Amino acid sequence: MTKLRPLHPETLAVRAGTQRSEFGEHSEALFLTSSFTYESAAQAAERFQGREAGWVYSRFTNPTVAMFEARLAAMEGAEAAVATATGMGAILTVCLALLEQGDHIVSSHSLFGSTYQLFGAMMPRFGIKASFVSQNNLEEWEAAITPKTKFLYVETPSNPLVEIADIAALRTIADSVGALLIVDNCLCTSALQRPLELGAHIVVHSATKFLEGQGRVLGGAIVGSRTLVDEKLIPTLRTAGPSLSPFNAWVLLKSLETLSVRMERASKNALYIAKALEAHPKIARVYYPGLASHPHHRLALRQHCASGEAGEEVAGGALMSFEVKGGQAAAWRVIDATEICSITGNLGDARSTITHPATTTHGRLAPEVRAAARISDSLLRLSVGLENKQDILQDLLRGLD
């Protein structure tokens, strides 16, 4: 790919990273092997010591995984990427690689439940403190940072309230103490948003979600500079082992080819549904950045639409949340009445999925933590899929009407 002129993200999603074997295969090869052989003991020693380029062990070097990493890095506009077994594995790898006892994290309250547990409950056991602030209150971010702050962490859009953070403004705050800005780009993906171009130092993904797009395999990734990947992340991956399997990497490679068209279709469906729900008398509020009523709508228009071709129709992405009048009982009635939407905690699937965050994805959080994140008992999260938009809407209306 280095010989080609600059390409659009949609082309990179199909072509970047491909390495062909001596057989000249057109589709990327799947290398299901745990180890690799050498021509001599001397060559094995050179490979293991890193003095000779080549494959060593699939825990940290595998051709199929490397193709996925190279393709995702190209799509994000990055120098390099590291793939991991899951999205949480990616976040943990970043923590293991960058943090030590006495360090400090500043993060938004608006997090996936497991990420909050990792920062707020597990990291303190190793002498690493975390401060949680409001997603869009820059004064809180500034007040929380200390000389010990190693990184700022933000999901944008966030899960489940799809709040948008000002990446450029957070980069300025991070730079004031020499910290890194880490952006979780799971919900937009590089099809809609490229955080590195907006100021992020590192991007993390749960590849399980929209990158894979069909609910088949788990995966994660970290994207950033070549120096960060080679000197920090790969040594951590090699030792700790939260590795992506070659099979899952191959599935993800093929999924990336359709990412842009899937995100465009799902986002257009989501905008249609969000407008209809916002007008429904039994809906208290709809959280969707593509709506003009969303407090971060203009920021979403600036930061999203990475390709610049789809425009405002896709700026909101494919995830939304909405509050049903009548509390948990009314929210559960909507879920139980669906016949098309899948009741599951996953998101980013070709199939529309619906869940009740307060009792599932964020159910392990203390009530006061959920309250700070504004995750109420009446809140439902909808990941809009590729079905007909009218069919999805009618499926939701069944429990409302």
Foldseek 3Di string as FASTA:
>chain_A
DVVDDDDFLLVLLQDWLADDDPVPDPAHDQDQDFADDDPDPVVLVCVVVVVDDDTGGQLQDDSLLRSLFRSQQSLLVFPTKAKFQFLVRAVVLCCVQFDAAQAEEEEELQAFQVVCCCQPPVVVVRNYHYHYDHQEDVVRVLVPDDLRYAEYEYEQLGPPLNDGHQLLSVLVSCVVNVHFYEYEDAQQRSLWFNSVVRRHQKYKYFCCAQLLAANDGTMMMMGHHPCCCVPGRSVSSVPVRRHHRSVVSSSSSVSSSCSNVFFLLLLLLQVVLQVVLCPDPFWPDKRWLLDPPHPCVVVLQVGTNNSVPSHSSRSRTRKIKTFGPPFQVLQVLLVVQADQADDDPGARHLGKHKYQCCCPRNVVPDPVSCVSNVRGRRMMMIGGHNDPSVSVNVRRVRSVD
